N, C-alpha and C. Protein backbone atom coordinates (compact mmCIF):
# COMPACT_ATOMS: atom_id res chain seq x y z
N UNK A 1 0.84 -1.17 0.00
CA UNK A 1 0.00 0.00 0.00
C UNK A 1 0.88 1.23 0.00
N UNK A 2 0.52 2.21 -0.78
CA UNK A 2 1.31 3.44 -0.87
C UNK A 2 1.16 4.27 0.39
N UNK A 3 2.13 5.15 0.62
CA UNK A 3 2.08 6.04 1.78
C UNK A 3 0.84 6.94 1.70
N UNK A 4 0.49 7.36 0.49
CA UNK A 4 -0.69 8.21 0.31
C UNK A 4 -1.95 7.45 0.71
N UNK A 5 -2.06 6.21 0.29
CA UNK A 5 -3.24 5.41 0.63
C UNK A 5 -3.34 5.22 2.14
N UNK A 6 -2.21 4.96 2.79
CA UNK A 6 -2.22 4.80 4.25
C UNK A 6 -2.64 6.10 4.92
N UNK A 7 -2.10 7.20 4.47
CA UNK A 7 -2.39 8.50 5.08
C UNK A 7 -3.85 8.89 4.89
N UNK A 8 -4.42 8.55 3.75
CA UNK A 8 -5.80 8.95 3.48
C UNK A 8 -6.81 7.95 4.04
N UNK A 9 -6.33 6.84 4.59
CA UNK A 9 -7.23 5.84 5.12
C UNK A 9 -8.02 5.15 4.02
N UNK A 10 -7.39 4.94 2.87
CA UNK A 10 -8.06 4.35 1.71
C UNK A 10 -8.64 2.99 2.05
N UNK A 11 -9.84 2.78 1.57
CA UNK A 11 -10.51 1.50 1.76
C UNK A 11 -10.58 0.78 0.42
N UNK A 12 -10.67 -0.54 0.52
CA UNK A 12 -10.79 -1.38 -0.66
C UNK A 12 -12.03 -2.23 -0.49
N UNK A 13 -12.74 -2.48 -1.57
CA UNK A 13 -13.92 -3.32 -1.55
C UNK A 13 -13.78 -4.37 -2.65
N UNK A 14 -14.03 -5.63 -2.31
CA UNK A 14 -13.89 -6.73 -3.26
C UNK A 14 -15.14 -7.60 -3.21
N UNK A 15 -15.73 -7.85 -4.38
CA UNK A 15 -16.81 -8.83 -4.52
C UNK A 15 -16.18 -10.15 -4.93
N UNK A 16 -16.70 -11.26 -4.41
CA UNK A 16 -16.10 -12.55 -4.75
C UNK A 16 -17.17 -13.64 -4.82
N UNK A 17 -16.81 -14.73 -5.49
CA UNK A 17 -17.64 -15.93 -5.53
C UNK A 17 -16.70 -17.12 -5.50
N UNK A 18 -17.01 -18.08 -4.64
CA UNK A 18 -16.17 -19.26 -4.46
C UNK A 18 -16.91 -20.47 -5.01
N UNK A 19 -16.23 -21.23 -5.86
CA UNK A 19 -16.81 -22.41 -6.50
C UNK A 19 -16.16 -23.67 -5.92
N UNK A 20 -16.81 -24.79 -6.09
CA UNK A 20 -16.27 -26.06 -5.61
C UNK A 20 -17.12 -26.59 -4.47
N UNK A 21 -16.52 -27.39 -3.62
CA UNK A 21 -17.23 -27.95 -2.47
C UNK A 21 -17.18 -26.93 -1.33
N UNK A 22 -18.09 -25.98 -1.36
CA UNK A 22 -18.00 -24.85 -0.43
C UNK A 22 -19.22 -24.70 0.47
N UNK A 23 -20.26 -25.48 0.27
CA UNK A 23 -21.43 -25.39 1.12
C UNK A 23 -21.54 -26.63 1.99
N UNK A 24 -22.15 -26.47 3.14
CA UNK A 24 -22.32 -27.59 4.05
C UNK A 24 -21.05 -27.86 4.83
N UNK A 25 -21.00 -29.02 5.43
CA UNK A 25 -19.84 -29.39 6.23
C UNK A 25 -18.71 -29.79 5.30
N UNK A 26 -17.59 -29.11 5.41
CA UNK A 26 -16.42 -29.48 4.63
C UNK A 26 -15.20 -29.36 5.51
N UNK A 27 -14.16 -30.04 5.17
CA UNK A 27 -12.97 -30.05 6.02
C UNK A 27 -12.01 -28.93 5.70
N UNK A 28 -12.23 -27.77 6.28
CA UNK A 28 -11.30 -26.66 6.11
C UNK A 28 -10.15 -26.83 7.09
N UNK A 29 -9.00 -26.32 6.73
CA UNK A 29 -7.84 -26.41 7.61
C UNK A 29 -7.72 -25.16 8.45
N UNK A 30 -7.47 -25.38 9.73
CA UNK A 30 -7.24 -24.26 10.63
C UNK A 30 -5.80 -23.81 10.55
N UNK A 31 -5.48 -22.80 11.32
CA UNK A 31 -4.14 -22.23 11.31
C UNK A 31 -3.08 -23.26 11.68
N UNK A 32 -3.44 -24.19 12.54
CA UNK A 32 -2.47 -25.21 12.97
C UNK A 32 -2.46 -26.42 12.04
N UNK A 33 -3.24 -26.38 10.98
CA UNK A 33 -3.28 -27.48 10.02
C UNK A 33 -4.30 -28.55 10.35
N UNK A 34 -4.96 -28.44 11.50
CA UNK A 34 -5.97 -29.43 11.87
C UNK A 34 -7.21 -29.22 11.01
N UNK A 35 -7.85 -30.32 10.66
CA UNK A 35 -9.08 -30.22 9.88
C UNK A 35 -10.27 -30.28 10.82
N UNK A 36 -11.29 -29.51 10.51
CA UNK A 36 -12.52 -29.58 11.27
C UNK A 36 -13.68 -29.26 10.35
N UNK A 37 -14.86 -29.79 10.65
CA UNK A 37 -16.01 -29.50 9.79
C UNK A 37 -16.50 -28.09 10.05
N UNK A 38 -16.55 -27.28 9.02
CA UNK A 38 -16.94 -25.89 9.18
C UNK A 38 -17.51 -25.38 7.87
N UNK A 39 -18.56 -24.64 7.95
CA UNK A 39 -19.12 -24.05 6.74
C UNK A 39 -18.24 -22.89 6.30
N UNK A 40 -18.06 -22.75 5.00
CA UNK A 40 -17.17 -21.71 4.47
C UNK A 40 -17.62 -20.32 4.89
N UNK A 41 -18.91 -20.06 4.89
CA UNK A 41 -19.37 -18.72 5.27
C UNK A 41 -19.01 -18.42 6.71
N UNK A 42 -19.08 -19.43 7.59
CA UNK A 42 -18.74 -19.21 9.00
C UNK A 42 -17.24 -18.96 9.16
N UNK A 43 -16.44 -19.73 8.45
CA UNK A 43 -14.99 -19.53 8.48
C UNK A 43 -14.65 -18.12 7.99
N UNK A 44 -15.31 -17.69 6.90
CA UNK A 44 -15.07 -16.36 6.34
C UNK A 44 -15.42 -15.28 7.35
N UNK A 45 -16.55 -15.45 8.02
CA UNK A 45 -16.98 -14.47 9.03
C UNK A 45 -15.96 -14.37 10.17
N UNK A 46 -15.47 -15.51 10.64
CA UNK A 46 -14.50 -15.51 11.73
C UNK A 46 -13.19 -14.84 11.32
N UNK A 47 -12.71 -15.13 10.12
CA UNK A 47 -11.47 -14.52 9.65
C UNK A 47 -11.63 -13.01 9.47
N UNK A 48 -12.78 -12.59 8.97
CA UNK A 48 -13.03 -11.16 8.79
C UNK A 48 -13.00 -10.44 10.13
N UNK A 49 -13.58 -11.04 11.14
CA UNK A 49 -13.54 -10.43 12.48
C UNK A 49 -12.11 -10.30 12.99
N UNK A 50 -11.33 -11.35 12.79
CA UNK A 50 -9.93 -11.32 13.24
C UNK A 50 -9.15 -10.19 12.56
N UNK A 51 -9.42 -9.98 11.27
CA UNK A 51 -8.69 -8.97 10.50
C UNK A 51 -9.28 -7.57 10.64
N UNK A 52 -10.50 -7.47 11.13
CA UNK A 52 -11.12 -6.16 11.28
C UNK A 52 -11.69 -5.60 9.99
N UNK A 53 -12.15 -6.49 9.10
CA UNK A 53 -12.81 -6.05 7.88
C UNK A 53 -14.30 -6.34 8.00
N UNK A 54 -15.09 -5.73 7.12
CA UNK A 54 -16.53 -5.91 7.15
C UNK A 54 -17.02 -6.38 5.79
N UNK A 55 -18.28 -6.77 5.73
CA UNK A 55 -18.87 -7.19 4.48
C UNK A 55 -19.99 -8.16 4.71
N UNK A 56 -20.21 -9.00 3.74
CA UNK A 56 -21.25 -10.01 3.86
C UNK A 56 -20.84 -11.25 3.08
N UNK A 57 -21.46 -12.38 3.42
CA UNK A 57 -21.19 -13.65 2.76
C UNK A 57 -22.46 -14.49 2.82
N UNK A 58 -22.75 -15.23 1.74
CA UNK A 58 -23.94 -16.08 1.75
C UNK A 58 -23.78 -17.25 0.80
N UNK A 59 -24.52 -18.31 1.07
CA UNK A 59 -24.63 -19.44 0.17
C UNK A 59 -25.59 -19.05 -0.95
N UNK A 60 -25.34 -19.54 -2.16
CA UNK A 60 -26.25 -19.29 -3.28
C UNK A 60 -26.97 -20.57 -3.66
N UNK A 61 -28.04 -20.44 -4.41
CA UNK A 61 -28.79 -21.61 -4.86
C UNK A 61 -28.02 -22.39 -5.92
N UNK A 62 -26.95 -21.81 -6.48
CA UNK A 62 -26.12 -22.50 -7.47
C UNK A 62 -25.03 -23.35 -6.81
N UNK A 63 -24.98 -23.38 -5.47
CA UNK A 63 -23.98 -24.18 -4.77
C UNK A 63 -22.66 -23.48 -4.55
N UNK A 64 -22.63 -22.17 -4.75
CA UNK A 64 -21.41 -21.40 -4.52
C UNK A 64 -21.58 -20.55 -3.26
N UNK A 65 -20.53 -19.88 -2.87
CA UNK A 65 -20.58 -18.90 -1.79
C UNK A 65 -20.15 -17.58 -2.39
N UNK A 66 -20.93 -16.53 -2.16
CA UNK A 66 -20.63 -15.22 -2.70
C UNK A 66 -20.58 -14.21 -1.56
N UNK A 67 -19.87 -13.12 -1.79
CA UNK A 67 -19.80 -12.11 -0.74
C UNK A 67 -19.04 -10.88 -1.17
N UNK A 68 -18.86 -10.01 -0.19
CA UNK A 68 -18.11 -8.78 -0.38
C UNK A 68 -17.32 -8.53 0.90
N UNK A 69 -16.09 -8.08 0.74
CA UNK A 69 -15.26 -7.72 1.88
C UNK A 69 -14.76 -6.29 1.66
N UNK A 70 -14.71 -5.53 2.76
CA UNK A 70 -14.34 -4.12 2.67
C UNK A 70 -13.52 -3.73 3.89
N UNK A 71 -12.49 -2.94 3.65
CA UNK A 71 -11.65 -2.47 4.74
C UNK A 71 -10.36 -1.89 4.21
N UNK A 72 -9.39 -1.67 5.09
CA UNK A 72 -8.09 -1.19 4.64
C UNK A 72 -7.49 -2.17 3.62
N UNK A 73 -6.82 -1.64 2.62
CA UNK A 73 -6.32 -2.47 1.52
C UNK A 73 -5.49 -3.66 1.98
N UNK A 74 -4.58 -3.46 2.93
CA UNK A 74 -3.73 -4.57 3.37
C UNK A 74 -4.54 -5.67 4.05
N UNK A 75 -5.58 -5.30 4.79
CA UNK A 75 -6.42 -6.30 5.47
C UNK A 75 -7.29 -7.05 4.47
N UNK A 76 -7.83 -6.34 3.48
CA UNK A 76 -8.64 -6.99 2.45
C UNK A 76 -7.77 -7.95 1.64
N UNK A 77 -6.55 -7.55 1.33
CA UNK A 77 -5.65 -8.43 0.59
C UNK A 77 -5.31 -9.67 1.41
N UNK A 78 -5.18 -9.54 2.71
CA UNK A 78 -4.90 -10.69 3.57
C UNK A 78 -6.09 -11.65 3.62
N UNK A 79 -7.27 -11.10 3.50
CA UNK A 79 -8.48 -11.92 3.53
C UNK A 79 -8.53 -12.82 2.32
């Protein structure tokens, strides 16, 4: 992120859609590498809280997960 963006408090907003086995119970890996059954939207919500970004996430009728994340550019990029 540029010094100007940091100084101005620039925000970034990203729309996304995730395809594959992303709805229902799936084995996502935690930070320690352990697998646990967790819905992707719930995992996304928890990570967003940790990073301090906002947005929304939902399951679609097409079997994907779609959402939007918004916050400081470096945090959105980490998400």
